[in-house]
């Protein structure tokens, strides 16, 4: 439970960091970032999964780079539902998706303590 809460907070912090570096990608406060992370996760688990399944051949041909486009669409779409979170252009959504992917890659290098068996 603590691990999931930490993951949620780290993702919200990642959204805030990206909003400082990408023009057109705006998060007004930490609460909006927390809500946006939940909405992005829900959309990614439903609509994102469906889109990635449908475009799997294109994703394979582009070595997975097309999935950044799908992540950008999910970010743009989720900004329509969360007050305090806005993505103004597709370019901002794409650069935000790219920056978030890099941050998640860096977060993956963190060693999480495993539960004892």
N, C-alpha and C. Protein backbone atom coordinates (compact mmCIF):
# COMPACT_ATOMS: atom_id res chain seq x y z
N UNK A 1 0.82 -1.19 0.00
CA UNK A 1 0.00 0.00 0.00
C UNK A 1 0.87 1.26 0.00
N UNK A 2 1.93 1.25 0.80
CA UNK A 2 2.83 2.39 0.87
C UNK A 2 3.55 2.57 -0.47
N UNK A 3 3.89 1.46 -1.08
CA UNK A 3 4.58 1.50 -2.37
C UNK A 3 3.70 2.13 -3.45
N UNK A 4 2.42 1.78 -3.44
CA UNK A 4 1.49 2.35 -4.41
C UNK A 4 1.29 3.85 -4.16
N UNK A 5 1.21 4.25 -2.91
CA UNK A 5 1.08 5.66 -2.56
C UNK A 5 2.33 6.43 -2.99
N UNK A 6 3.49 5.87 -2.79
CA UNK A 6 4.74 6.50 -3.21
C UNK A 6 4.80 6.63 -4.73
N UNK A 7 4.35 5.60 -5.42
CA UNK A 7 4.32 5.62 -6.88
C UNK A 7 3.39 6.73 -7.39
N UNK A 8 2.24 6.88 -6.74
CA UNK A 8 1.26 7.90 -7.09
C UNK A 8 1.86 9.30 -6.89
N UNK A 9 2.53 9.51 -5.77
CA UNK A 9 3.14 10.80 -5.47
C UNK A 9 4.28 11.10 -6.44
N UNK A 10 5.10 10.10 -6.76
CA UNK A 10 6.19 10.31 -7.71
C UNK A 10 5.67 10.67 -9.10
N UNK A 11 4.60 10.03 -9.51
CA UNK A 11 4.01 10.37 -10.81
C UNK A 11 3.45 11.79 -10.82
N UNK A 12 2.85 12.21 -9.71
CA UNK A 12 2.35 13.58 -9.62
C UNK A 12 3.50 14.57 -9.66
N UNK A 13 4.60 14.26 -8.97
CA UNK A 13 5.78 15.12 -9.02
C UNK A 13 6.36 15.18 -10.43
N UNK A 14 6.33 14.05 -11.12
CA UNK A 14 6.81 14.02 -12.51
C UNK A 14 5.97 14.94 -13.39
N UNK A 15 4.65 14.94 -13.19
CA UNK A 15 3.80 15.85 -13.94
C UNK A 15 4.15 17.31 -13.66
N UNK A 16 4.41 17.61 -12.39
CA UNK A 16 4.78 18.99 -12.04
C UNK A 16 6.11 19.39 -12.66
N UNK A 17 7.07 18.46 -12.67
CA UNK A 17 8.38 18.75 -13.28
C UNK A 17 8.22 18.99 -14.77
N UNK A 18 7.45 18.15 -15.43
CA UNK A 18 7.25 18.30 -16.88
C UNK A 18 6.55 19.63 -17.18
N UNK A 19 5.63 20.03 -16.31
CA UNK A 19 4.92 21.29 -16.56
C UNK A 19 5.85 22.50 -16.49
N UNK A 20 6.96 22.37 -15.79
CA UNK A 20 7.92 23.48 -15.72
C UNK A 20 8.80 23.56 -16.96
N UNK A 21 8.96 22.45 -17.67
CA UNK A 21 9.89 22.42 -18.80
C UNK A 21 9.23 22.43 -20.17
N UNK A 22 7.97 22.03 -20.26
CA UNK A 22 7.29 21.95 -21.55
C UNK A 22 6.26 23.07 -21.64
N UNK A 23 6.42 23.93 -22.63
CA UNK A 23 5.44 25.00 -22.84
C UNK A 23 4.14 24.42 -23.35
N UNK A 24 3.04 24.89 -22.77
CA UNK A 24 1.72 24.41 -23.18
C UNK A 24 1.26 23.22 -22.36
N UNK A 25 2.08 22.76 -21.45
CA UNK A 25 1.75 21.65 -20.56
C UNK A 25 1.71 22.24 -19.16
N UNK A 26 0.52 22.45 -18.62
CA UNK A 26 0.38 23.21 -17.38
C UNK A 26 -0.33 22.40 -16.30
N UNK A 27 0.25 22.42 -15.11
CA UNK A 27 -0.38 21.84 -13.92
C UNK A 27 -0.37 22.93 -12.87
N UNK A 28 -1.55 23.30 -12.38
CA UNK A 28 -1.63 24.46 -11.50
C UNK A 28 -1.13 24.19 -10.09
N UNK A 29 -1.39 22.99 -9.55
CA UNK A 29 -0.95 22.69 -8.18
C UNK A 29 -0.80 21.19 -7.99
N UNK A 30 -0.35 20.82 -6.81
CA UNK A 30 -0.07 19.41 -6.53
C UNK A 30 -1.35 18.57 -6.49
N UNK A 31 -2.43 19.14 -5.99
CA UNK A 31 -3.69 18.38 -5.94
C UNK A 31 -4.19 18.08 -7.35
N UNK A 32 -4.07 19.05 -8.24
CA UNK A 32 -4.45 18.81 -9.64
C UNK A 32 -3.57 17.73 -10.25
N UNK A 33 -2.30 17.72 -9.89
CA UNK A 33 -1.38 16.70 -10.40
C UNK A 33 -1.79 15.32 -9.89
N UNK A 34 -2.17 15.22 -8.62
CA UNK A 34 -2.60 13.93 -8.07
C UNK A 34 -3.86 13.42 -8.77
N UNK A 35 -4.82 14.31 -9.01
CA UNK A 35 -6.05 13.92 -9.70
C UNK A 35 -5.74 13.55 -11.15
N UNK A 36 -4.86 14.33 -11.79
CA UNK A 36 -4.50 14.05 -13.18
C UNK A 36 -3.84 12.68 -13.31
N UNK A 37 -3.01 12.30 -12.35
CA UNK A 37 -2.36 10.99 -12.39
C UNK A 37 -3.40 9.88 -12.34
N UNK A 38 -4.42 10.05 -11.52
CA UNK A 38 -5.48 9.03 -11.44
C UNK A 38 -6.23 8.94 -12.78
N UNK A 39 -6.60 10.10 -13.34
CA UNK A 39 -7.35 10.10 -14.60
C UNK A 39 -6.49 9.54 -15.73
N UNK A 40 -5.22 9.93 -15.78
CA UNK A 40 -4.32 9.39 -16.82
C UNK A 40 -4.20 7.88 -16.68
N UNK A 41 -4.07 7.40 -15.46
CA UNK A 41 -3.97 5.96 -15.23
C UNK A 41 -5.21 5.21 -15.67
N UNK A 42 -6.38 5.76 -15.35
CA UNK A 42 -7.63 5.11 -15.76
C UNK A 42 -7.81 5.12 -17.27
N UNK A 43 -7.50 6.25 -17.89
CA UNK A 43 -7.61 6.32 -19.36
C UNK A 43 -6.58 5.42 -20.03
N UNK A 44 -5.39 5.36 -19.45
CA UNK A 44 -4.35 4.51 -20.02
C UNK A 44 -4.71 3.03 -19.90
N UNK A 45 -5.39 2.67 -18.80
CA UNK A 45 -5.76 1.27 -18.60
C UNK A 45 -6.94 0.85 -19.47
N UNK A 46 -7.72 1.79 -19.95
CA UNK A 46 -8.89 1.44 -20.76
C UNK A 46 -8.67 1.84 -22.22
N UNK A 47 -8.77 3.13 -22.49
CA UNK A 47 -8.64 3.63 -23.86
C UNK A 47 -7.24 3.41 -24.41
N UNK A 48 -6.23 3.64 -23.60
CA UNK A 48 -4.85 3.46 -24.05
C UNK A 48 -4.55 2.03 -24.42
N UNK A 49 -5.05 1.10 -23.62
CA UNK A 49 -4.84 -0.32 -23.91
C UNK A 49 -5.50 -0.71 -25.22
N UNK A 50 -6.72 -0.21 -25.44
CA UNK A 50 -7.43 -0.49 -26.68
C UNK A 50 -6.70 0.09 -27.88
N UNK A 51 -6.27 1.35 -27.77
CA UNK A 51 -5.55 1.99 -28.88
C UNK A 51 -4.21 1.29 -29.17
N UNK A 52 -3.52 0.89 -28.13
CA UNK A 52 -2.24 0.20 -28.33
C UNK A 52 -2.44 -1.17 -28.96
N UNK A 53 -3.53 -1.83 -28.62
CA UNK A 53 -3.82 -3.12 -29.23
C UNK A 53 -4.17 -2.96 -30.71
N UNK A 54 -4.99 -1.96 -31.02
CA UNK A 54 -5.40 -1.73 -32.41
C UNK A 54 -4.21 -1.33 -33.28
N UNK A 55 -3.30 -0.52 -32.74
CA UNK A 55 -2.17 -0.02 -33.52
C UNK A 55 -0.89 -0.81 -33.27
N UNK A 56 -1.02 -2.02 -32.79
CA UNK A 56 0.16 -2.84 -32.50
C UNK A 56 1.08 -3.03 -33.71
N UNK A 57 0.56 -3.32 -34.91
CA UNK A 57 1.48 -3.46 -36.05
C UNK A 57 2.28 -2.17 -36.33
N UNK A 58 1.62 -1.02 -36.22
CA UNK A 58 2.32 0.24 -36.41
C UNK A 58 3.34 0.48 -35.31
N UNK A 59 3.01 0.07 -34.10
CA UNK A 59 3.95 0.18 -32.99
C UNK A 59 5.17 -0.69 -33.19
N UNK A 60 4.97 -1.87 -33.73
CA UNK A 60 6.10 -2.77 -33.99
C UNK A 60 6.97 -2.21 -35.11
N UNK A 61 6.34 -1.71 -36.17
CA UNK A 61 7.11 -1.14 -37.28
C UNK A 61 7.93 0.09 -36.87
N UNK A 62 7.42 0.84 -35.90
CA UNK A 62 8.13 2.05 -35.47
C UNK A 62 8.99 1.80 -34.23
N UNK A 63 9.20 0.53 -33.90
CA UNK A 63 9.98 0.13 -32.72
C UNK A 63 9.42 0.74 -31.44
N UNK A 64 8.11 0.87 -31.36
CA UNK A 64 7.44 1.36 -30.17
C UNK A 64 7.32 2.86 -30.07
N UNK A 65 7.88 3.59 -31.01
CA UNK A 65 7.81 5.04 -30.94
C UNK A 65 6.40 5.57 -31.17
N UNK A 66 5.58 4.84 -31.90
CA UNK A 66 4.20 5.28 -32.13
C UNK A 66 3.41 5.30 -30.83
N UNK A 67 3.82 4.50 -29.86
CA UNK A 67 3.10 4.48 -28.58
C UNK A 67 3.26 5.80 -27.84
N UNK A 68 4.29 6.58 -28.17
CA UNK A 68 4.40 7.93 -27.63
C UNK A 68 3.26 8.81 -28.13
N UNK A 69 2.85 8.59 -29.36
CA UNK A 69 1.72 9.34 -29.92
C UNK A 69 0.45 8.98 -29.16
N UNK A 70 0.26 7.72 -28.86
CA UNK A 70 -0.92 7.30 -28.11
C UNK A 70 -0.87 7.88 -26.70
N UNK A 71 0.31 7.88 -26.07
CA UNK A 71 0.43 8.47 -24.74
C UNK A 71 0.14 9.97 -24.78
N UNK A 72 0.53 10.64 -25.86
CA UNK A 72 0.24 12.06 -26.02
C UNK A 72 -1.28 12.28 -26.14
N UNK A 73 -1.95 11.41 -26.87
CA UNK A 73 -3.40 11.51 -27.01
C UNK A 73 -4.07 11.31 -25.64
N UNK A 74 -3.59 10.36 -24.86
CA UNK A 74 -4.14 10.11 -23.53
C UNK A 74 -3.92 11.33 -22.64
N UNK A 75 -2.74 11.93 -22.69
CA UNK A 75 -2.46 13.13 -21.90
C UNK A 75 -3.39 14.28 -22.31
N UNK A 76 -3.52 14.49 -23.61
CA UNK A 76 -4.38 15.57 -24.10
C UNK A 76 -5.83 15.33 -23.70
N UNK A 77 -6.28 14.10 -23.84
CA UNK A 77 -7.67 13.76 -23.52
C UNK A 77 -7.94 13.90 -22.02
N UNK A 78 -6.98 13.49 -21.20
CA UNK A 78 -7.17 13.59 -19.75
C UNK A 78 -7.18 15.04 -19.28
N UNK A 79 -6.50 15.92 -20.02
CA UNK A 79 -6.50 17.33 -19.62
C UNK A 79 -7.88 17.97 -19.79
N UNK A 80 -8.74 17.35 -20.57
CA UNK A 80 -10.10 17.86 -20.75
C UNK A 80 -10.98 17.58 -19.53
N UNK A 81 -10.58 16.63 -18.68
CA UNK A 81 -11.40 16.22 -17.55
C UNK A 81 -10.92 16.76 -16.21
N UNK A 82 -9.66 17.18 -16.12
CA UNK A 82 -9.10 17.56 -14.83
C UNK A 82 -8.94 19.08 -14.77
N UNK A 83 -9.62 19.72 -13.83
CA UNK A 83 -9.41 21.16 -13.67
C UNK A 83 -8.02 21.41 -13.09
N UNK A 84 -7.33 22.40 -13.61
CA UNK A 84 -5.99 22.70 -13.15
C UNK A 84 -4.90 21.98 -13.92
N UNK A 85 -5.29 21.15 -14.88
CA UNK A 85 -4.34 20.44 -15.73
C UNK A 85 -4.74 20.70 -17.17
N UNK A 86 -3.84 21.32 -17.94
CA UNK A 86 -4.18 21.63 -19.32
C UNK A 86 -3.00 21.35 -20.24
N UNK A 87 -3.34 20.85 -21.41
CA UNK A 87 -2.37 20.63 -22.48
C UNK A 87 -2.95 21.36 -23.68
N UNK A 88 -2.22 22.39 -24.15
CA UNK A 88 -2.81 23.28 -25.15
C UNK A 88 -2.67 22.77 -26.58
N UNK A 89 -1.54 22.15 -26.91
CA UNK A 89 -1.32 21.70 -28.29
C UNK A 89 -0.88 20.24 -28.29
N UNK A 90 -0.97 19.63 -29.47
CA UNK A 90 -0.50 18.26 -29.58
C UNK A 90 1.01 18.18 -29.41
N UNK A 91 1.72 19.21 -29.86
CA UNK A 91 3.17 19.25 -29.66
C UNK A 91 3.51 19.23 -28.17
N UNK A 92 2.78 19.99 -27.39
CA UNK A 92 3.00 19.99 -25.94
C UNK A 92 2.68 18.62 -25.35
N UNK A 93 1.62 18.00 -25.83
CA UNK A 93 1.27 16.66 -25.35
C UNK A 93 2.34 15.64 -25.71
N UNK A 94 2.87 15.74 -26.93
CA UNK A 94 3.90 14.79 -27.36
C UNK A 94 5.19 15.00 -26.57
N UNK A 95 5.62 16.26 -26.41
CA UNK A 95 6.83 16.53 -25.64
C UNK A 95 6.63 16.15 -24.17
N UNK A 96 5.43 16.36 -23.65
CA UNK A 96 5.12 15.95 -22.28
C UNK A 96 5.17 14.43 -22.13
N UNK A 97 4.64 13.72 -23.11
CA UNK A 97 4.68 12.25 -23.07
C UNK A 97 6.11 11.75 -23.14
N UNK A 98 6.93 12.39 -23.97
CA UNK A 98 8.34 12.02 -24.08
C UNK A 98 9.07 12.29 -22.77
N UNK A 99 8.85 13.46 -22.18
CA UNK A 99 9.50 13.80 -20.92
C UNK A 99 9.04 12.88 -19.80
N UNK A 100 7.76 12.56 -19.76
CA UNK A 100 7.26 11.64 -18.74
C UNK A 100 7.84 10.24 -18.92
N UNK A 101 8.00 9.80 -20.16
CA UNK A 101 8.61 8.49 -20.41
C UNK A 101 10.05 8.46 -19.90
N UNK A 102 10.79 9.54 -20.13
CA UNK A 102 12.17 9.59 -19.64
C UNK A 102 12.21 9.61 -18.12
N UNK A 103 11.31 10.39 -17.50
CA UNK A 103 11.27 10.42 -16.03
C UNK A 103 10.88 9.06 -15.45
N UNK A 104 9.92 8.38 -16.08
CA UNK A 104 9.54 7.05 -15.60
C UNK A 104 10.68 6.05 -15.77
N UNK A 105 11.46 6.22 -16.81
CA UNK A 105 12.63 5.38 -16.99
C UNK A 105 13.63 5.62 -15.86
N UNK A 106 13.84 6.88 -15.51
CA UNK A 106 14.74 7.19 -14.41
C UNK A 106 14.19 6.68 -13.08
N UNK A 107 12.87 6.79 -12.88
CA UNK A 107 12.27 6.26 -11.66
C UNK A 107 12.43 4.74 -11.58
N UNK A 108 12.46 4.09 -12.73
CA UNK A 108 12.63 2.64 -12.77
C UNK A 108 13.99 2.19 -12.26
N UNK A 109 14.96 3.08 -12.32
CA UNK A 109 16.28 2.74 -11.82
C UNK A 109 16.36 2.78 -10.30
N UNK A 110 15.34 3.40 -9.66
CA UNK A 110 15.32 3.40 -8.21
C UNK A 110 15.08 1.97 -7.71
N UNK A 111 15.78 1.59 -6.72
CA UNK A 111 15.61 0.26 -6.17
C UNK A 111 14.54 0.30 -5.08
N UNK A 112 13.41 -0.32 -5.33
CA UNK A 112 12.33 -0.37 -4.35
C UNK A 112 12.62 -1.53 -3.41
N UNK A 113 12.45 -1.34 -2.12
CA UNK A 113 12.64 -2.46 -1.19
C UNK A 113 11.57 -3.52 -1.41
N UNK A 114 12.01 -4.76 -1.47
CA UNK A 114 11.09 -5.87 -1.68
C UNK A 114 10.54 -6.33 -0.34
N UNK A 115 9.32 -6.85 -0.38
CA UNK A 115 8.74 -7.41 0.83
C UNK A 115 9.42 -8.75 1.12
N UNK A 116 9.63 -9.03 2.39
CA UNK A 116 10.20 -10.35 2.70
C UNK A 116 9.19 -11.45 2.39
N UNK A 117 9.70 -12.59 1.94
CA UNK A 117 8.81 -13.69 1.58
C UNK A 117 8.35 -14.45 2.78
